[in-house]
Amino acid sequence: MELNASYTSLVAVGDSFTEGMSDLLPGGTYRGWADVLAARLAVRSPGFRYANLAVRGKLIGQIVDEQVEAAASLRADVVTLVGGLNDTLRPKCDMGMVRGRLEEAVERLAPTCKQLVLMRSPGRSGPVFDRFRPRVEALFALIDDLAGQHGAAVVDLYSAPSIADPRMWDVDRLHLTTEGHRRVAEAVWQTLGLPAELDWRARMPATAPPRWAARRTEDIRFARQHLAPWIGRRLTGRSSGDGRSGAQFDTTTGRAFWITPSDAENPGPVTGWRRVVSPDAAAGIAETD
């Protein structure tokens, strides 16, 4: 990996983890680690372009069919691909199929970008995750193997105790908090060979554990509001992403599009984004999204 490299474009491919849930903004949209990473990269590269194609709930086959070709067509400097975890958490999972579709995605994306980034997703202890842990670890072994074959970088969040801390996870216990997404962005940033700005592996300060009654109340609320609906969707084959498309995917044209910082002249923090006229247009020619 080239140290202190310059990257002029980023495309993010995946599911809810990359879409940004549960890093909720006041307007009702999600930000997430990919958006944070894009804003940081944009400060370093005038005319920076970004597209997030990730959609919550998507299985690896859906990611390949609906996002990979669109991502490849943009020919970005950096492409992040995170997928397959939703498959492993289903009651039935064909790991052979997961392997085949993930291989297909990597083989299609790797030649089209300067750097492909894969990820060993974060995990936390709990009855749901622990039940499927062997599948999850088999997925991560495959990711390591594919990265070695295709020169992709791997961000290892799974082995980081800091990300497994329950305080890094939202009340649904499936998605990271704002702080969790901030640390993931830093982990990818450092994996890209850029100078560290924080220690994303650092553990959070110790706090007194919640009382037994408070834990049980929270467990009941979690089961009713989040676990039961999650199980129901998996048993019926439904997904929270049904009918949704990526933030930078135009369903009318069937193509992904770029966004670029609204203020192209200011190298400071990104305060807004504009849509680039077309995927092939120069980065500096933009219109309001």
C-alpha atoms as a PDB file:
ATOM      1  CA  MET A   1       0.000   0.000   0.000  1.00  0.00           C
ATOM      2  CA  GLU A   2       1.359   3.396  -0.995  1.00  0.00           C
ATOM      3  CA  LEU A   3       1.800   5.645   2.028  1.00  0.00           C
ATOM      4  CA  ASN A   4       0.105   9.050   2.039  1.00  0.00           C
ATOM      5  CA  ALA A   5      -1.412   8.342  -1.378  1.00  0.00           C
ATOM      6  CA  SER A   6      -3.859  10.651  -3.109  1.00  0.00           C
ATOM      7  CA  TYR A   7      -7.304   9.318  -4.023  1.00  0.00           C
ATOM      8  CA  THR A   8      -9.642  11.292  -6.242  1.00  0.00           C
ATOM      9  CA  SER A   9     -12.774   9.127  -6.097  1.00  0.00           C
ATOM     10  CA  LEU A  10     -14.541   6.564  -3.908  1.00  0.00           C
ATOM     11  CA  VAL A  11     -17.406   4.140  -4.544  1.00  0.00           C
ATOM     12  CA  ALA A  12     -18.979   2.220  -1.650  1.00  0.00           C
ATOM     13  CA  VAL A  13     -20.795  -1.071  -2.311  1.00  0.00           C
ATOM     14  CA  GLY A  14     -22.685  -3.162   0.228  1.00  0.00           C
ATOM     15  CA  ASP A  15     -25.568  -3.384   2.675  1.00  0.00           C
ATOM     16  CA  SER A  16     -26.796  -1.455   5.738  1.00  0.00           C
ATOM     17  CA  PHE A  17     -23.329  -1.362   7.285  1.00  0.00           C
ATOM     18  CA  THR A  18     -22.060   0.737   4.368  1.00  0.00           C
ATOM     19  CA  GLU A  19     -25.319   2.641   3.852  1.00  0.00           C
ATOM     20  CA  GLY A  20     -24.708   4.069   7.310  1.00  0.00           C
ATOM     21  CA  MET A  21     -27.384   2.752   9.627  1.00  0.00           C
ATOM     22  CA  SER A  22     -27.724   3.751  12.510  1.00  0.00           C
ATOM     23  CA  ASP A  23     -25.742   6.988  12.114  1.00  0.00           C
ATOM     24  CA  LEU A  24     -28.898   9.053  11.760  1.00  0.00           C
ATOM     25  CA  LEU A  25     -28.801  12.713  10.720  1.00  0.00           C
ATOM     26  CA  PRO A  26     -31.411  15.318  11.797  1.00  0.00           C
ATOM     27  CA  GLY A  27     -33.058  15.209   8.363  1.00  0.00           C
ATOM     28  CA  GLY A  28     -33.766  11.493   8.633  1.00  0.00           C
ATOM     29  CA  THR A  29     -30.969  10.307   6.342  1.00  0.00           C
ATOM     30  CA  TYR A  30     -27.946   8.259   7.336  1.00  0.00           C
ATOM     31  CA  ARG A  31     -24.305   9.266   7.218  1.00  0.00           C
ATOM     32  CA  GLY A  32     -22.104   6.314   8.179  1.00  0.00           C
ATOM     33  CA  TRP A  33     -18.428   5.515   7.822  1.00  0.00           C
ATOM     34  CA  ALA A  34     -18.330   5.684   4.010  1.00  0.00           C
ATOM     35  CA  ASP A  35     -19.692   9.231   4.007  1.00  0.00           C
ATOM     36  CA  VAL A  36     -17.254  10.242   6.749  1.00  0.00           C
ATOM     37  CA  LEU A  37     -14.377   8.708   4.793  1.00  0.00           C
ATOM     38  CA  ALA A  38     -15.448  10.449   1.585  1.00  0.00           C
ATOM     39  CA  ALA A  39     -15.596  13.839   3.289  1.00  0.00           C
ATOM     40  CA  ARG A  40     -12.091  13.349   4.671  1.00  0.00           C
ATOM     41  CA  LEU A  41     -10.670  12.216   1.331  1.00  0.00           C
ATOM     42  CA  ALA A  42     -12.294  15.182  -0.411  1.00  0.00           C
ATOM     43  CA  VAL A  43     -10.295  17.633   1.688  1.00  0.00           C
ATOM     44  CA  ARG A  44      -7.094  16.142   0.265  1.00  0.00           C
ATOM     45  CA  SER A  45      -8.171  16.030  -3.401  1.00  0.00           C
ATOM     46  CA  PRO A  46      -9.849  18.962  -5.199  1.00  0.00           C
ATOM     47  CA  GLY A  47     -12.618  17.725  -7.484  1.00  0.00           C
ATOM     48  CA  PHE A  48     -13.091  14.576  -5.398  1.00  0.00           C
ATOM     49  CA  ARG A  49     -16.048  12.381  -6.430  1.00  0.00           C
ATOM     50  CA  TYR A  50     -18.077   9.931  -4.370  1.00  0.00           C
ATOM     51  CA  ALA A  51     -20.917   7.455  -4.804  1.00  0.00           C
ATOM     52  CA  ASN A  52     -22.536   5.284  -2.141  1.00  0.00           C
ATOM     53  CA  LEU A  53     -24.532   2.460  -3.740  1.00  0.00           C
ATOM     54  CA  ALA A  54     -25.131   0.407  -0.580  1.00  0.00           C
ATOM     55  CA  VAL A  55     -28.661  -0.612   0.432  1.00  0.00           C
ATOM     56  CA  ARG A  56     -29.781  -2.031   3.757  1.00  0.00           C
ATOM     57  CA  GLY A  57     -30.687  -5.715   3.991  1.00  0.00           C
ATOM     58  CA  LYS A  58     -29.107  -6.761   0.702  1.00  0.00           C
ATOM     59  CA  LEU A  59     -27.724 -10.279   0.275  1.00  0.00           C
ATOM     60  CA  ILE A  60     -24.509 -10.893  -1.632  1.00  0.00           C
ATOM     61  CA  GLY A  61     -26.366 -11.965  -4.766  1.00  0.00           C
ATOM     62  CA  GLN A  62     -28.385  -8.750  -4.748  1.00  0.00           C
ATOM     63  CA  ILE A  63     -25.270  -6.674  -4.172  1.00  0.00           C
ATOM     64  CA  VAL A  64     -23.590  -8.290  -7.171  1.00  0.00           C
ATOM     65  CA  ASP A  65     -26.645  -8.027  -9.413  1.00  0.00           C
ATOM     66  CA  GLU A  66     -27.685  -4.489  -8.438  1.00  0.00           C
ATOM     67  CA  GLN A  67     -24.496  -2.634  -7.454  1.00  0.00           C
ATOM     68  CA  VAL A  68     -21.291  -4.178  -8.777  1.00  0.00           C
ATOM     69  CA  GLU A  69     -21.646  -3.374 -12.462  1.00  0.00           C
ATOM     70  CA  ALA A  70     -22.732   0.178 -11.651  1.00  0.00           C
ATOM     71  CA  ALA A  71     -19.708   0.577  -9.384  1.00  0.00           C
ATOM     72  CA  ALA A  72     -17.316  -0.885 -11.941  1.00  0.00           C
ATOM     73  CA  SER A  73     -18.549   1.521 -14.618  1.00  0.00           C
ATOM     74  CA  LEU A  74     -17.421   4.512 -12.544  1.00  0.00           C
ATOM     75  CA  ARG A  75     -13.788   3.317 -12.491  1.00  0.00           C
ATOM     76  CA  ALA A  76     -13.057   4.881  -9.109  1.00  0.00           C
ATOM     77  CA  ASP A  77      -9.693   5.155  -7.417  1.00  0.00           C
ATOM     78  CA  VAL A  78     -11.081   3.303  -4.381  1.00  0.00           C
ATOM     79  CA  VAL A  79     -13.946   0.810  -4.203  1.00  0.00           C
ATOM     80  CA  THR A  80     -15.083  -0.640  -0.882  1.00  0.00           C
ATOM     81  CA  LEU A  81     -17.006  -3.918  -0.960  1.00  0.00           C
ATOM     82  CA  VAL A  82     -18.660  -5.256   2.172  1.00  0.00           C
ATOM     83  CA  GLY A  83     -21.218  -8.027   1.738  1.00  0.00           C
ATOM     84  CA  GLY A  84     -22.174 -11.572   2.595  1.00  0.00           C
ATOM     85  CA  LEU A  85     -22.794 -11.093   6.301  1.00  0.00           C
ATOM     86  CA  ASN A  86     -26.564 -10.890   5.840  1.00  0.00           C
ATOM     87  CA  ASP A  87     -26.424 -14.252   4.055  1.00  0.00           C
ATOM     88  CA  THR A  88     -24.599 -15.910   6.944  1.00  0.00           C
ATOM     89  CA  LEU A  89     -27.231 -14.680   9.405  1.00  0.00           C
ATOM     90  CA  ARG A  90     -30.116 -16.281   7.518  1.00  0.00           C
ATOM     91  CA  PRO A  91     -31.607 -19.559   8.834  1.00  0.00           C
ATOM     92  CA  LYS A  92     -30.372 -21.286   5.685  1.00  0.00           C
ATOM     93  CA  CYS A  93     -27.216 -20.215   3.927  1.00  0.00           C
ATOM     94  CA  ASP A  94     -25.502 -21.740   0.923  1.00  0.00           C
ATOM     95  CA  MET A  95     -21.878 -20.859   1.609  1.00  0.00           C
ATOM     96  CA  GLY A  96     -20.884 -22.209  -1.800  1.00  0.00           C
ATOM     97  CA  MET A  97     -23.182 -19.674  -3.412  1.00  0.00           C
ATOM     98  CA  VAL A  98     -21.818 -16.904  -1.169  1.00  0.00           C
ATOM     99  CA  ARG A  99     -18.291 -17.808  -2.202  1.00  0.00           C
ATOM    100  CA  GLY A 100     -19.174 -17.817  -5.888  1.00  0.00           C
ATOM    101  CA  ARG A 101     -20.972 -14.466  -5.854  1.00  0.00           C
ATOM    102  CA  LEU A 102     -18.304 -12.788  -3.737  1.00  0.00           C
ATOM    103  CA  GLU A 103     -15.613 -14.079  -6.091  1.00  0.00           C
ATOM    104  CA  GLU A 104     -17.647 -12.700  -8.987  1.00  0.00           C
ATOM    105  CA  ALA A 105     -17.813  -9.277  -7.342  1.00  0.00           C
ATOM    106  CA  VAL A 106     -14.092  -9.122  -6.564  1.00  0.00           C
ATOM    107  CA  GLU A 107     -13.091 -10.316 -10.029  1.00  0.00           C
ATOM    108  CA  ARG A 108     -15.297  -7.649 -11.626  1.00  0.00           C
ATOM    109  CA  LEU A 109     -14.290  -4.747  -9.368  1.00  0.00           C
ATOM    110  CA  ALA A 110     -10.560  -5.278  -8.808  1.00  0.00           C
ATOM    111  CA  PRO A 111      -9.449  -4.473 -12.377  1.00  0.00           C
ATOM    112  CA  THR A 112     -11.566  -1.294 -12.518  1.00  0.00           C
ATOM    113  CA  CYS A 113     -10.109   0.580  -9.545  1.00  0.00           C
ATOM    114  CA  LYS A 114      -6.817   1.719  -8.120  1.00  0.00           C
ATOM    115  CA  GLN A 115      -7.526   0.005  -4.779  1.00  0.00           C
ATOM    116  CA  LEU A 116     -10.236  -2.467  -3.824  1.00  0.00           C
ATOM    117  CA  VAL A 117     -10.972  -2.579  -0.085  1.00  0.00           C
ATOM    118  CA  LEU A 118     -12.645  -5.594   1.540  1.00  0.00           C
ATOM    119  CA  MET A 119     -13.629  -5.920   5.166  1.00  0.00           C
ATOM    120  CA  ARG A 120     -13.910  -8.379   8.013  1.00  0.00           C
ATOM    121  CA  SER A 121     -17.032  -6.833   9.506  1.00  0.00           C
ATOM    122  CA  PRO A 122     -17.266  -6.089  13.241  1.00  0.00           C
ATOM    123  CA  GLY A 123     -19.037  -8.513  15.529  1.00  0.00           C
ATOM    124  CA  ARG A 124     -20.241  -8.559  19.104  1.00  0.00           C
ATOM    125  CA  SER A 125     -21.092 -11.311  21.538  1.00  0.00           C
ATOM    126  CA  GLY A 126     -24.717 -12.302  21.815  1.00  0.00           C
ATOM    127  CA  PRO A 127     -27.020 -15.282  21.216  1.00  0.00           C
ATOM    128  CA  VAL A 128     -27.855 -14.306  17.638  1.00  0.00           C
ATOM    129  CA  PHE A 129     -24.343 -13.592  16.433  1.00  0.00           C
ATOM    130  CA  ASP A 130     -22.760 -16.461  18.381  1.00  0.00           C
ATOM    131  CA  ARG A 131     -25.095 -18.959  16.736  1.00  0.00           C
ATOM    132  CA  PHE A 132     -23.817 -18.036  13.277  1.00  0.00           C
ATOM    133  CA  ARG A 133     -20.194 -17.328  14.197  1.00  0.00           C
ATOM    134  CA  PRO A 134     -18.751 -20.370  12.326  1.00  0.00           C
ATOM    135  CA  ARG A 135     -20.386 -19.169   9.096  1.00  0.00           C
ATOM    136  CA  VAL A 136     -19.189 -15.622   9.684  1.00  0.00           C
ATOM    137  CA  GLU A 137     -15.617 -16.726  10.232  1.00  0.00           C
ATOM    138  CA  ALA A 138     -15.771 -18.899   7.113  1.00  0.00           C
ATOM    139  CA  LEU A 139     -16.851 -15.787   5.189  1.00  0.00           C
ATOM    140  CA  PHE A 140     -13.903 -13.825   6.563  1.00  0.00           C
ATOM    141  CA  ALA A 141     -11.475 -16.591   5.631  1.00  0.00           C
ATOM    142  CA  LEU A 142     -12.816 -16.375   2.072  1.00  0.00           C
ATOM    143  CA  ILE A 143     -12.378 -12.596   2.090  1.00  0.00           C
ATOM    144  CA  ASP A 144      -8.738 -12.966   3.149  1.00  0.00           C
ATOM    145  CA  ASP A 145      -8.189 -15.500   0.380  1.00  0.00           C
ATOM    146  CA  LEU A 146      -9.762 -13.311  -2.307  1.00  0.00           C
ATOM    147  CA  ALA A 147      -7.801 -10.277  -1.142  1.00  0.00           C
ATOM    148  CA  GLY A 148      -4.567 -12.195  -1.514  1.00  0.00           C
ATOM    149  CA  GLN A 149      -5.492 -13.321  -5.009  1.00  0.00           C
ATOM    150  CA  HIS A 150      -6.566  -9.911  -6.306  1.00  0.00           C
ATOM    151  CA  GLY A 151      -4.396  -7.439  -4.417  1.00  0.00           C
ATOM    152  CA  ALA A 152      -7.245  -6.066  -2.331  1.00  0.00           C
ATOM    153  CA  ALA A 153      -6.745  -4.520   1.087  1.00  0.00           C
ATOM    154  CA  VAL A 154      -8.599  -5.979   4.080  1.00  0.00           C
ATOM    155  CA  VAL A 155      -9.809  -3.898   7.013  1.00  0.00           C
ATOM    156  CA  ASP A 156      -9.972  -6.234  10.005  1.00  0.00           C
ATOM    157  CA  LEU A 157     -12.685  -4.892  12.307  1.00  0.00           C
ATOM    158  CA  TYR A 158     -13.662  -8.345  13.557  1.00  0.00           C
ATOM    159  CA  SER A 159     -10.563  -8.799  15.704  1.00  0.00           C
ATOM    160  CA  ALA A 160     -10.782  -5.328  17.280  1.00  0.00           C
ATOM    161  CA  PRO A 161     -12.200  -5.461  20.850  1.00  0.00           C
ATOM    162  CA  SER A 162     -12.888  -1.731  20.686  1.00  0.00           C
ATOM    163  CA  ILE A 163     -15.541  -2.203  17.982  1.00  0.00           C
ATOM    164  CA  ALA A 164     -17.090  -5.144  19.847  1.00  0.00           C
ATOM    165  CA  ASP A 165     -17.818  -2.884  22.838  1.00  0.00           C
ATOM    166  CA  PRO A 166     -21.632  -2.763  23.289  1.00  0.00           C
ATOM    167  CA  ARG A 167     -21.418   1.029  23.524  1.00  0.00           C
ATOM    168  CA  MET A 168     -20.348   1.090  19.868  1.00  0.00           C
ATOM    169  CA  TRP A 169     -23.682  -0.455  18.836  1.00  0.00           C
ATOM    170  CA  ASP A 170     -27.117   1.053  18.460  1.00  0.00           C
ATOM    171  CA  VAL A 171     -30.154  -0.177  20.373  1.00  0.00           C
ATOM    172  CA  ASP A 172     -30.941  -2.664  17.576  1.00  0.00           C
ATOM    173  CA  ARG A 173     -27.578  -4.389  18.321  1.00  0.00           C
ATOM    174  CA  LEU A 174     -27.032  -4.830  14.582  1.00  0.00           C
ATOM    175  CA  HIS A 175     -25.692  -1.438  13.518  1.00  0.00           C
ATOM    176  CA  LEU A 176     -22.965   0.841  14.795  1.00  0.00           C
ATOM    177  CA  THR A 177     -23.424   4.171  16.542  1.00  0.00           C
ATOM    178  CA  THR A 178     -21.958   7.413  15.244  1.00  0.00           C
ATOM    179  CA  GLU A 179     -18.769   6.726  17.196  1.00  0.00           C
ATOM    180  CA  GLY A 180     -18.568   3.233  15.737  1.00  0.00           C
ATOM    181  CA  HIS A 181     -18.889   4.570  12.193  1.00  0.00           C
ATOM    182  CA  ARG A 182     -16.254   7.226  12.925  1.00  0.00           C
ATOM    183  CA  ARG A 183     -13.811   4.519  13.967  1.00  0.00           C
ATOM    184  CA  VAL A 184     -14.540   2.390  10.911  1.00  0.00           C
ATOM    185  CA  ALA A 185     -13.834   5.401   8.694  1.00  0.00           C
ATOM    186  CA  GLU A 186     -10.495   5.834  10.446  1.00  0.00           C
ATOM    187  CA  ALA A 187      -9.692   2.129  10.041  1.00  0.00           C
ATOM    188  CA  VAL A 188     -10.276   2.325   6.277  1.00  0.00           C
ATOM    189  CA  TRP A 189      -8.365   5.617   6.124  1.00  0.00           C
ATOM    190  CA  GLN A 190      -5.306   4.010   7.708  1.00  0.00           C
ATOM    191  CA  THR A 191      -5.644   0.898   5.530  1.00  0.00           C
ATOM    192  CA  LEU A 192      -5.405   3.200   2.497  1.00  0.00           C
ATOM    193  CA  GLY A 193      -1.990   4.299   3.748  1.00  0.00           C
ATOM    194  CA  LEU A 194      -3.071   7.685   5.076  1.00  0.00           C
ATOM    195  CA  PRO A 195      -1.687   9.209   8.298  1.00  0.00           C
ATOM    196  CA  ALA A 196      -3.549   8.218  11.456  1.00  0.00           C
ATOM    197  CA  GLU A 197      -5.733  10.834  13.086  1.00  0.00           C
ATOM    198  CA  LEU A 198      -6.975   8.693  15.968  1.00  0.00           C
ATOM    199  CA  ASP A 199      -6.445   5.252  17.474  1.00  0.00           C
ATOM    200  CA  TRP A 200      -9.571   3.457  16.286  1.00  0.00           C
ATOM    201  CA  ARG A 201      -8.546   0.355  18.228  1.00  0.00           C
ATOM    202  CA  ALA A 202      -8.417   2.183  21.574  1.00  0.00           C
ATOM    203  CA  ARG A 203     -10.902   0.893  24.097  1.00  0.00           C
ATOM    204  CA  MET A 204     -13.529   3.237  25.486  1.00  0.00           C
ATOM    205  CA  PRO A 205     -13.119   4.299  29.140  1.00  0.00           C
ATOM    206  CA  ALA A 206     -14.487   1.802  31.629  1.00  0.00           C
ATOM    207  CA  THR A 207     -17.902   2.556  33.081  1.00  0.00           C
ATOM    208  CA  ALA A 208     -20.040   0.870  35.699  1.00  0.00           C
ATOM    209  CA  PRO A 209     -22.151  -1.905  34.134  1.00  0.00           C
ATOM    210  CA  PRO A 210     -25.918  -1.330  34.104  1.00  0.00           C
ATOM    211  CA  ARG A 211     -27.936  -2.942  36.863  1.00  0.00           C
ATOM    212  CA  TRP A 212     -29.553  -6.335  36.301  1.00  0.00           C
ATOM    213  CA  ALA A 213     -33.085  -4.920  36.117  1.00  0.00           C
ATOM    214  CA  ALA A 214     -32.047  -2.314  33.562  1.00  0.00           C
ATOM    215  CA  ARG A 215     -30.378  -4.978  31.403  1.00  0.00           C
ATOM    216  CA  ARG A 216     -33.460  -7.187  31.461  1.00  0.00           C
ATOM    217  CA  THR A 217     -35.740  -4.272  30.569  1.00  0.00           C
ATOM    218  CA  GLU A 218     -33.463  -3.392  27.653  1.00  0.00           C
ATOM    219  CA  ASP A 219     -33.360  -7.048  26.522  1.00  0.00           C
ATOM    220  CA  ILE A 220     -37.172  -7.213  26.434  1.00  0.00           C
ATOM    221  CA  ARG A 221     -37.419  -3.951  24.507  1.00  0.00           C
ATOM    222  CA  PHE A 222     -34.776  -5.113  22.048  1.00  0.00           C
ATOM    223  CA  ALA A 223     -36.562  -8.441  21.481  1.00  0.00           C
ATOM    224  CA  ARG A 224     -39.909  -6.764  20.799  1.00  0.00           C
ATOM    225  CA  GLN A 225     -38.768  -3.831  18.694  1.00  0.00           C
ATOM    226  CA  HIS A 226     -35.819  -5.259  16.800  1.00  0.00           C
ATOM    227  CA  LEU A 227     -35.167  -8.982  17.170  1.00  0.00           C
ATOM    228  CA  ALA A 228     -38.689 -10.249  16.429  1.00  0.00           C
ATOM    229  CA  PRO A 229     -39.101  -8.138  13.252  1.00  0.00           C
ATOM    230  CA  TRP A 230     -35.588  -9.121  12.125  1.00  0.00           C
ATOM    231  CA  ILE A 231     -36.371 -12.830  12.546  1.00  0.00           C
ATOM    232  CA  GLY A 232     -39.721 -12.371  10.831  1.00  0.00           C
ATOM    233  CA  ARG A 233     -38.141 -10.831   7.752  1.00  0.00           C
ATOM    234  CA  ARG A 234     -35.658 -13.669   7.458  1.00  0.00           C
ATOM    235  CA  LEU A 235     -38.293 -16.374   7.826  1.00  0.00           C
ATOM    236  CA  THR A 236     -40.480 -14.784   5.152  1.00  0.00           C
ATOM    237  CA  GLY A 237     -37.710 -13.780   2.766  1.00  0.00           C
ATOM    238  CA  ARG A 238     -38.447 -10.076   3.117  1.00  0.00           C
ATOM    239  CA  SER A 239     -35.786  -7.387   3.480  1.00  0.00           C
ATOM    240  CA  SER A 240     -35.635  -3.903   4.954  1.00  0.00           C
ATOM    241  CA  GLY A 241     -34.105  -2.842   1.632  1.00  0.00           C
ATOM    242  CA  ASP A 242     -36.977  -4.003  -0.579  1.00  0.00           C
ATOM    243  CA  GLY A 243     -37.816  -1.234  -3.055  1.00  0.00           C
ATOM    244  CA  ARG A 244     -34.791   0.867  -2.146  1.00  0.00           C
ATOM    245  CA  SER A 245     -31.795   1.878  -4.250  1.00  0.00           C
ATOM    246  CA  GLY A 246     -28.412   3.339  -3.390  1.00  0.00           C
ATOM    247  CA  ALA A 247     -28.103   7.022  -2.567  1.00  0.00           C
ATOM    248  CA  GLN A 248     -26.155   7.675  -5.766  1.00  0.00           C
ATOM    249  CA  PHE A 249     -28.024   5.351  -8.100  1.00  0.00           C
ATOM    250  CA  ASP A 250     -30.507   6.722 -10.625  1.00  0.00           C
ATOM    251  CA  THR A 251     -33.302   4.185 -11.129  1.00  0.00           C
ATOM    252  CA  THR A 252     -34.513   6.069 -14.207  1.00  0.00           C
ATOM    253  CA  THR A 253     -31.266   5.592 -16.126  1.00  0.00           C
ATOM    254  CA  GLY A 254     -30.106   2.462 -14.298  1.00  0.00           C
ATOM    255  CA  ARG A 255     -26.735   4.097 -13.686  1.00  0.00           C
ATOM    256  CA  ALA A 256     -24.743   5.296 -10.715  1.00  0.00           C
ATOM    257  CA  PHE A 257     -23.752   8.939 -10.546  1.00  0.00           C
ATOM    258  CA  TRP A 258     -21.070  10.954  -8.785  1.00  0.00           C
ATOM    259  CA  ILE A 259     -21.440  13.634  -6.154  1.00  0.00           C
ATOM    260  CA  THR A 260     -18.730  16.187  -5.408  1.00  0.00           C
ATOM    261  CA  PRO A 261     -18.324  18.788  -2.629  1.00  0.00           C
ATOM    262  CA  SER A 262     -20.612  21.775  -3.086  1.00  0.00           C
ATOM    263  CA  ASP A 263     -17.785  24.214  -2.480  1.00  0.00           C
ATOM    264  CA  ALA A 264     -15.058  23.030  -4.833  1.00  0.00           C
ATOM    265  CA  GLU A 265     -12.788  25.958  -3.952  1.00  0.00           C
ATOM    266  CA  ASN A 266     -12.712  25.399  -0.197  1.00  0.00           C
ATOM    267  CA  PRO A 267     -10.354  22.632   0.960  1.00  0.00           C
ATOM    268  CA  GLY A 268     -11.800  22.738   4.468  1.00  0.00           C
ATOM    269  CA  PRO A 269     -14.478  20.426   5.924  1.00  0.00           C
ATOM    270  CA  VAL A 270     -17.126  19.334   3.427  1.00  0.00           C
ATOM    271  CA  THR A 271     -20.451  20.951   4.295  1.00  0.00           C
ATOM    272  CA  GLY A 272     -22.502  19.634   1.389  1.00  0.00           C
ATOM    273  CA  TRP A 273     -22.422  17.680  -1.869  1.00  0.00           C
ATOM    274  CA  ARG A 274     -23.648  18.292  -5.421  1.00  0.00           C
ATOM    275  CA  ARG A 275     -24.430  15.809  -8.148  1.00  0.00           C
ATOM    276  CA  VAL A 276     -22.030  15.669 -11.060  1.00  0.00           C
ATOM    277  CA  VAL A 277     -23.858  16.153 -14.371  1.00  0.00           C
ATOM    278  CA  SER A 278     -23.098  12.622 -15.609  1.00  0.00           C
ATOM    279  CA  PRO A 279     -20.832   9.718 -14.623  1.00  0.00           C
ATOM    280  CA  ASP A 280     -18.471  10.724 -17.430  1.00  0.00           C
ATOM    281  CA  ALA A 281     -18.476  14.458 -16.770  1.00  0.00           C
ATOM    282  CA  ALA A 282     -15.497  16.330 -15.389  1.00  0.00           C
ATOM    283  CA  ALA A 283     -15.430  16.446 -11.608  1.00  0.00           C
ATOM    284  CA  GLY A 284     -15.700  20.232 -11.512  1.00  0.00           C
ATOM    285  CA  ILE A 285     -18.965  20.441 -13.531  1.00  0.00           C
ATOM    286  CA  ALA A 286     -21.835  19.878 -11.148  1.00  0.00           C
ATOM    287  CA  GLU A 287     -25.472  20.580 -10.553  1.00  0.00           C
ATOM    288  CA  THR A 288     -27.648  20.586  -7.476  1.00  0.00           C
ATOM    289  CA  ASP A 289     -28.723  17.067  -6.552  1.00  0.00           C
END
